[in-house]
Protein backbone atom coordinates (compact mmCIF):
# COMPACT_ATOMS: atom_id res chain seq x y z
CA MET A 1 -13.59 69.94 -1.14
CA ALA A 2 -14.83 66.34 -1.44
CA ILE A 3 -16.14 64.10 -4.19
CA THR A 4 -19.66 62.82 -3.47
CA LYS A 5 -22.16 60.76 -5.44
CA TRP A 6 -23.73 63.98 -6.77
CA ASP A 7 -20.56 64.67 -8.74
CA GLU A 8 -21.43 61.63 -10.90
CA TYR A 9 -24.39 63.53 -12.40
CA LEU A 10 -24.27 66.19 -15.13
CA ILE A 11 -25.38 68.97 -12.78
CA HIS A 12 -22.26 71.06 -12.04
CA GLN A 13 -22.78 74.81 -12.01
CA THR A 14 -19.18 75.86 -11.33
CA TYR A 15 -15.72 74.37 -11.84
CA ASP A 16 -15.73 73.08 -8.26
CA THR A 17 -17.24 69.95 -6.71
CA ILE A 18 -20.95 70.05 -5.84
CA ASP A 19 -20.20 70.29 -2.11
CA ASN A 20 -18.30 73.55 -2.61
CA GLY A 21 -20.45 75.75 -4.85
CA GLU A 22 -21.19 79.46 -4.63
CA VAL A 23 -24.45 79.22 -2.68
CA ASP A 24 -24.18 80.10 1.02
CA VAL A 25 -27.58 78.85 2.16
CA ASP A 26 -29.69 76.03 0.68
CA ARG A 27 -32.99 75.39 2.46
CA LEU A 28 -36.23 73.45 2.37
CA TYR A 29 -39.43 74.13 4.29
CA LEU A 30 -42.67 72.24 4.72
CA THR A 31 -45.86 73.20 6.52
CA CYS A 32 -49.01 71.18 7.24
CA HIS A 33 -52.24 72.01 9.07
CA ASP A 34 -55.78 70.82 9.59
CA ALA A 35 -58.74 72.68 8.10
CA ASP A 36 -59.81 74.07 11.49
CA GLY A 37 -56.42 75.47 12.48
CA ASP A 38 -56.13 73.39 15.66
CA LEU A 39 -52.93 71.67 14.48
CA HIS A 40 -50.10 73.39 12.61
CA LEU A 41 -46.72 71.84 11.84
CA ALA A 42 -43.67 73.47 10.22
CA VAL A 43 -40.44 71.64 9.41
CA GLY A 44 -37.29 73.16 7.96
CA MET A 45 -33.77 72.09 7.09
CA GLY A 46 -30.83 73.95 5.60
CA VAL A 47 -27.23 73.39 4.65
CA TYR A 48 -24.51 76.05 4.80
CA PRO A 49 -21.78 74.60 2.55
CA LYS A 50 -19.07 77.14 3.30
CA ALA A 51 -19.63 76.86 7.06
CA GLY A 52 -19.91 73.07 6.94
CA VAL A 53 -23.16 73.15 8.94
CA MET A 54 -26.57 71.55 8.47
CA ASP A 55 -29.42 72.55 10.78
CA GLY A 56 -33.14 71.98 11.05
CA PHE A 57 -36.22 72.53 13.14
CA ALA A 58 -39.72 71.30 13.82
CA CYS A 59 -42.32 73.66 15.28
CA VAL A 60 -45.73 72.24 16.18
CA ARG A 61 -48.70 74.17 17.52
CA HIS A 62 -51.55 72.11 18.92
CA GLY A 63 -54.29 74.31 20.30
CA ASN A 64 -52.58 77.00 22.37
CA THR A 65 -49.35 75.08 22.95
CA GLN A 66 -46.28 75.32 20.71
CA HIS A 67 -43.49 72.73 20.75
CA ASN A 68 -40.09 73.67 19.27
CA LEU A 69 -37.17 71.45 18.34
CA ARG A 70 -33.89 72.80 16.91
CA LEU A 71 -31.05 70.63 15.67
CA SER A 72 -27.62 71.15 14.14
CA ARG A 73 -24.61 69.09 13.05
CA HIS A 74 -21.45 69.34 11.02
CA ALA A 75 -22.00 68.64 7.33
CA ARG A 76 -18.86 68.42 5.27
CA GLY A 77 -19.15 66.16 2.29
CA ASP A 78 -22.31 64.40 1.07
CA ARG A 79 -25.35 66.67 1.31
CA SER A 80 -27.70 63.82 0.42
CA ASP A 81 -27.54 62.73 4.08
CA THR A 82 -30.47 64.75 5.42
CA ARG A 83 -30.73 63.29 8.91
CA ILE A 84 -30.01 65.51 11.90
CA GLY A 85 -30.46 63.47 15.05
CA PRO A 86 -34.11 62.31 15.16
CA LEU A 87 -35.21 64.54 12.23
CA VAL A 88 -35.17 63.48 8.56
CA VAL A 89 -36.50 65.32 5.51
CA GLU A 90 -36.20 63.57 2.16
CA VAL A 91 -37.10 64.08 -1.48
CA ILE A 92 -39.18 61.03 -2.46
CA GLU A 93 -40.11 62.20 -5.96
CA PRO A 94 -38.46 65.40 -7.28
CA LEU A 95 -40.82 68.37 -7.67
CA LYS A 96 -43.74 66.39 -6.23
CA ARG A 97 -43.28 64.30 -3.06
CA TRP A 98 -41.41 64.96 0.17
CA GLY A 99 -41.22 62.99 3.39
CA ALA A 100 -40.60 64.38 6.89
CA TYR A 101 -39.99 62.17 9.90
CA LEU A 102 -39.29 62.85 13.55
CA ASP A 103 -38.44 60.04 15.97
CA GLY A 104 -39.31 60.19 19.64
CA ASN A 105 -36.79 62.20 21.64
CA GLU A 106 -36.26 63.66 25.10
CA HIS A 107 -36.53 67.32 24.07
CA VAL A 108 -40.13 67.59 22.82
CA ASP A 109 -43.17 65.34 23.24
CA VAL A 110 -43.70 65.16 19.47
CA ARG A 111 -43.03 62.61 16.77
CA PHE A 112 -44.37 62.31 13.22
CA GLU A 113 -44.27 60.48 9.92
CA MET A 114 -45.54 62.72 7.14
CA GLU A 115 -45.60 62.64 3.37
CA PHE A 116 -46.41 65.67 1.21
CA VAL A 117 -47.73 65.38 -2.37
CA GLY A 118 -47.69 68.54 -4.46
CA ARG A 119 -50.57 70.01 -6.44
CA GLY A 120 -49.28 70.84 -9.92
CA GLU A 121 -45.90 72.29 -10.80
CA PRO A 122 -44.02 74.52 -8.32
CA PHE A 123 -44.07 78.29 -8.84
CA LEU A 124 -40.62 79.84 -9.18
CA SER A 125 -39.80 83.33 -7.90
CA ARG A 126 -36.54 85.24 -7.93
CA SER A 127 -35.75 88.42 -6.02
CA SER A 128 -34.81 91.43 -8.11
CA LEU A 129 -32.95 93.05 -5.20
CA ILE A 130 -30.93 90.25 -3.60
CA PRO A 131 -29.48 86.90 -4.83
CA PHE A 132 -32.40 84.82 -3.57
CA VAL A 133 -34.45 82.13 -5.35
CA HIS A 134 -37.63 80.39 -4.14
CA TYR A 135 -40.09 77.93 -5.50
CA ASN A 136 -43.37 77.14 -3.76
CA GLN A 137 -45.96 74.42 -4.11
CA PRO A 138 -49.20 73.59 -2.26
CA GLY A 139 -50.45 70.07 -1.77
CA ARG A 140 -51.87 67.50 0.62
CA CYS A 141 -50.30 65.51 3.43
CA SER A 142 -50.69 62.01 4.80
CA GLY A 143 -49.26 60.09 7.73
CA SER A 144 -49.61 60.87 11.41
CA ILE A 145 -48.28 63.04 14.22
CA THR A 146 -48.28 62.32 17.94
CA VAL A 147 -48.33 65.36 20.24
CA ALA A 148 -48.29 64.98 24.02
CA GLY A 149 -49.44 61.38 23.69
CA ARG A 150 -52.29 62.10 21.27
CA ARG A 151 -52.02 60.59 17.78
CA ILE A 152 -53.54 62.62 14.92
CA ASP A 153 -54.10 61.29 11.40
CA LEU A 154 -52.81 63.77 8.80
CA HIS A 155 -54.64 62.23 5.85
CA GLY A 156 -55.77 64.93 3.42
CA PHE A 157 -54.46 67.84 5.52
CA PRO A 158 -53.54 70.89 3.41
CA GLY A 159 -49.84 71.65 3.18
CA ALA A 160 -47.29 73.77 1.35
CA ARG A 161 -43.58 73.60 0.71
CA ASP A 162 -40.82 76.05 -0.12
CA ARG A 163 -37.34 75.53 -1.58
CA SER A 164 -34.87 78.38 -1.48
CA TRP A 165 -31.19 79.12 -1.91
CA ARG A 166 -29.23 82.33 -1.77
CA MET A 167 -25.99 84.11 -1.23
CA GLN A 168 -25.44 85.37 2.31
CA LEU A 169 -25.74 89.12 2.73
CA ALA A 170 -23.95 91.21 5.33
CA PRO A 171 -26.35 93.08 7.66
CA GLN A 172 -26.78 96.72 6.73
CA PRO A 173 -26.11 99.38 9.39
CA GLY A 174 -29.33 100.47 11.05
CA SER A 175 -31.39 97.75 9.36
CA THR A 176 -34.44 96.27 11.07
CA TRP A 177 -36.60 93.24 10.44
CA LEU A 178 -39.29 94.62 8.17
CA GLY A 179 -42.62 93.16 7.21
CA HIS A 180 -43.43 90.79 4.38
CA PHE A 181 -46.03 88.22 3.36
CA TRP A 182 -45.85 84.66 2.21
CA ILE A 183 -49.24 83.31 1.17
CA MET A 184 -50.10 79.85 -0.08
CA ALA A 185 -53.90 79.64 -0.46
CA GLN A 186 -55.74 76.74 -2.08
CA PHE A 187 -59.08 77.15 -3.87
CA PRO A 188 -61.17 74.83 -6.03
CA GLY A 189 -59.43 74.75 -9.40
CA CYS A 190 -56.52 77.06 -8.57
CA TRP A 191 -54.08 78.27 -5.92
CA LEU A 192 -52.45 81.57 -5.04
CA SER A 193 -48.75 82.01 -4.34
CA LEU A 194 -47.46 85.34 -3.06
CA HIS A 195 -43.98 85.83 -1.70
CA GLY A 196 -42.02 88.84 -0.44
CA LEU A 197 -44.63 91.61 -0.44
CA PRO A 198 -43.16 94.55 1.57
CA LEU A 199 -45.59 95.97 4.11
CA TRP A 200 -43.90 99.08 5.46
CA ASP A 201 -43.61 102.51 3.96
CA GLY A 202 -40.39 103.20 2.07
CA LEU A 203 -39.55 99.61 1.11
CA PRO A 204 -38.98 98.94 -2.59
CA PRO A 205 -41.44 96.57 -4.28
CA ASP A 206 -39.97 93.08 -4.57
CA PHE A 207 -42.78 90.54 -4.60
CA HIS A 208 -43.62 87.54 -6.74
CA SER A 209 -47.14 86.27 -7.10
CA ALA A 210 -49.31 84.21 -9.44
CA LEU A 211 -52.60 82.41 -9.68
CA VAL A 212 -51.87 78.85 -10.77
CA TYR A 213 -54.73 76.89 -12.32
CA ASP A 214 -54.97 73.10 -12.13
CA GLY A 215 -53.79 71.73 -15.47
CA GLY A 216 -53.94 75.19 -16.94
CA PRO A 217 -52.21 78.55 -17.09
CA VAL A 218 -50.01 80.38 -14.62
CA VAL A 219 -51.28 83.98 -14.45
CA PRO A 220 -48.69 86.35 -12.94
CA VAL A 221 -49.80 89.11 -10.59
CA ASN A 222 -48.31 92.47 -11.55
CA GLU A 223 -49.57 94.62 -8.69
CA VAL A 224 -50.73 94.05 -5.11
CA ARG A 225 -52.52 96.58 -2.92
CA HIS A 226 -53.04 95.70 0.72
CA ARG A 227 -55.16 96.65 3.72
CA ILE A 228 -54.25 94.93 6.99
CA GLY A 229 -56.00 94.85 10.35
CA PHE A 230 -53.90 94.29 13.48
CA VAL A 231 -54.88 93.17 16.96
CA PRO A 232 -54.75 96.37 19.07
CA GLY A 233 -51.34 96.88 20.67
CA ALA A 234 -49.70 94.01 18.81
CA ARG A 235 -48.32 92.97 15.43
CA ALA A 236 -50.72 90.02 15.39
CA LEU A 237 -52.95 89.94 12.34
CA ALA A 238 -56.71 90.35 12.61
CA GLY A 239 -57.41 90.24 8.87
CA VAL A 240 -55.96 91.02 5.45
CA GLU A 241 -57.51 92.33 2.23
CA LEU A 242 -55.61 92.34 -1.04
CA LEU A 243 -56.41 93.75 -4.44
CA LEU A 244 -54.47 91.83 -7.08
CA ILE A 245 -54.05 93.09 -10.62
CA ASP A 246 -52.97 90.24 -12.83
CA SER A 247 -50.98 90.28 -16.07
CA GLU A 248 -54.21 90.44 -18.07
CA GLY A 249 -55.28 93.60 -16.23
CA LYS A 250 -58.03 91.82 -14.27
CA GLU A 251 -58.64 92.82 -10.65
CA ARG A 252 -58.95 89.99 -8.13
CA HIS A 253 -60.09 90.50 -4.54
CA VAL A 254 -58.53 88.36 -1.79
CA VAL A 255 -59.66 88.30 1.86
CA ALA A 256 -57.73 86.36 4.51
CA LYS A 257 -58.81 85.88 8.11
CA PRO A 258 -56.60 83.97 10.59
CA LYS A 259 -58.48 81.12 12.21
CA SER A 260 -55.80 80.03 14.66
CA PRO A 261 -53.17 81.37 17.02
CA ALA A 262 -49.93 82.10 15.24
CA LEU A 263 -47.18 79.53 14.90
CA TYR A 264 -44.11 81.54 15.93
CA ILE A 265 -41.58 80.22 13.43
CA GLY A 266 -38.97 82.95 13.62
CA SER A 267 -38.14 82.48 17.27
CA GLY A 268 -39.27 78.85 17.53
CA ALA A 269 -36.81 77.91 14.80
CA ALA A 270 -34.23 80.48 16.02
CA TYR A 271 -33.86 82.05 12.57
CA GLU A 272 -31.43 84.61 13.95
CA SER A 273 -28.87 81.90 14.77
CA GLN A 274 -29.36 79.46 11.89
CA GLY A 275 -26.13 78.40 10.21
CA GLN A 276 -24.01 78.83 13.32
CA ASP A 277 -21.55 76.11 14.22
CA ARG A 278 -22.86 74.49 17.41
CA GLY A 279 -20.46 71.56 17.30
CA PRO A 280 -20.61 68.09 15.74
CA SER A 281 -24.12 67.47 17.08
CA HIS A 282 -26.56 69.75 18.90
CA ILE A 283 -30.23 69.48 19.83
CA GLU A 284 -32.52 71.59 22.03
CA GLY A 285 -36.21 72.25 22.49
CA GLU A 286 -38.93 73.78 24.61
CA ARG A 287 -42.69 74.20 24.94
CA TRP A 288 -44.57 77.51 24.97
CA GLN A 289 -48.07 78.43 26.07
CA LEU A 290 -49.60 80.91 23.62
CA SER A 291 -51.85 82.87 25.91
CA ARG A 292 -52.59 86.06 24.00
CA PRO A 293 -51.83 87.65 20.60
CA ALA A 294 -49.98 90.55 22.24
CA ASP A 295 -47.18 88.07 22.90
CA VAL A 296 -46.07 88.88 19.36
CA GLY A 297 -43.39 91.52 19.75
CA SER A 298 -42.34 90.43 23.22
CA ARG A 299 -39.85 87.78 24.29
CA PRO A 300 -39.61 84.94 23.61
CA PHE A 301 -41.66 85.60 20.49
CA GLY A 302 -40.05 88.89 19.50
CA LEU A 303 -36.52 87.76 18.65
CA ILE A 304 -37.47 87.33 15.01
CA GLY A 305 -41.06 88.38 14.48
CA MET A 306 -41.96 85.81 11.82
CA SER A 307 -45.25 84.04 12.40
CA GLU A 308 -47.52 81.82 10.34
CA TYR A 309 -51.29 81.53 10.58
CA VAL A 310 -53.77 79.01 9.29
CA ALA A 311 -56.30 81.23 7.54
CA ASP A 312 -59.62 81.16 5.72
CA PHE A 313 -59.29 82.80 2.32
CA GLN A 314 -61.70 84.16 -0.25
CA LEU A 315 -60.82 84.80 -3.88
CA ASP A 316 -63.58 86.88 -5.47
CA GLY A 317 -65.96 85.19 -3.03
CA THR A 318 -64.70 81.64 -3.59
CA GLN A 319 -63.76 79.96 -0.31
CA GLY A 320 -60.29 78.53 0.29
CA VAL A 321 -57.80 77.71 3.02
CA GLY A 322 -54.06 78.06 3.42
CA VAL A 323 -51.22 79.66 5.30
CA LEU A 324 -50.48 83.32 5.82
CA GLU A 325 -46.93 84.01 6.98
CA THR A 326 -45.74 87.45 7.95
CA SER A 327 -42.91 89.17 9.71
CA TYR A 328 -43.32 92.43 11.56
CA CYS A 329 -41.28 95.52 12.28
CA PRO A 330 -40.25 95.41 15.98
CA ASP A 331 -40.45 99.20 16.21
CA MET A 332 -44.05 99.62 17.36
CA ASN A 333 -43.81 103.33 16.54
CA ARG A 334 -43.30 102.63 12.86
CA GLU A 335 -46.65 103.03 11.17
CA TYR A 336 -48.10 100.54 8.73
CA MET A 337 -49.26 102.30 5.56
CA PRO A 338 -52.10 100.60 3.65
CA THR A 339 -51.93 100.89 -0.14
CA TRP A 340 -55.59 100.29 -0.82
C-alpha cells in the first residue's frame, strides 16, 4: 500500500489506496493501420496491481514482416508512470486523445511517435458472464513510424482503442481458447463496435455491439448471426458476413473481407504470459516472416491464436474500413457452426 498523487482526487472505489484496489488487470490497447493494409501497428500496456507488475508490447506488421517487442517492469506505487523502457503510452485528453511513443532500441528495428484522436464518445460494454469491462473508440492517428529504416507518415490513418479492466479468473479444467470477434469498423456518418461474439457451438451468448452515429444516437445490436469463410486447412479468415438485428428490430447486413495478412497479436504480445514477474526490468523482441495463412495454428503463431486483420467492410452496401480481430479454437477437429 502506498499513497500516490491519485489519492488526492475524489475517485476512490474502495476503502484502500488507489494502488491497491480490487481490480487484477487494468489494460489499454491501441491499433493503427493504413487504408491499404500494408502497415498495421498494435500497442498495449497493462498493470497488475496485486502482482506489482506493469507490462506492454508493440507489434508492427509491414508487408509480410511482423516485428514484436515485449516489455515488463516492477510497478509498485504510482501507476501514472506509464513508461516501460523505450515504450510510453499516455492519456493526453481523457476519453479522446492518446499518445504512444517508442524510442529506438536494440531489440526491434522500429520506432514511432503516434497520437490518436477519438471519433465521438467511447462505447462501453460489460460482460454478463465474467467481471470484465471494456470501452472502445475509433478515430484517426497522426505522427510517424520508422520500420527497418523506412519512415511512414501516419497522418489520417484509421485507428481504434480499447480500455479494459477485470478480475483475474482461474483457468477452468479442460478449457480451451475459443473463438470470438472484436470489430471496429468506420463508415461515413457512423461506426460499428462489436466485442465478444462467441463463434463456436455450445458457447453462451455474451457479446456487446452497437452502431454509433456521429453526433447522434447509439443503437444497440440485440442479435448477431454469422457466416464465416476460412482459408482451407487454417483458422485464417477469408471473409465474414453478419446479420445484425438492432434494438429497433431493423436488420443490418455487414460484410468484412480481410485485405492484409494477419497481425498475430496473441503470440506476438505473449498474451499467455502477461502479468508474470520477469524482474525489475525486462525487454525482448523478434521479427517474423509471414509466409502463408496456414501459419495460423502452428508455432510460433499458435500459442494464443488471436489475430487482427485490416479489413474492408460494407454496411448495407456502404463502404468502410476497420479492424477485425478474432481468436480461434486450436482444436482443428472442432467444427465452426454458422448461425446464418
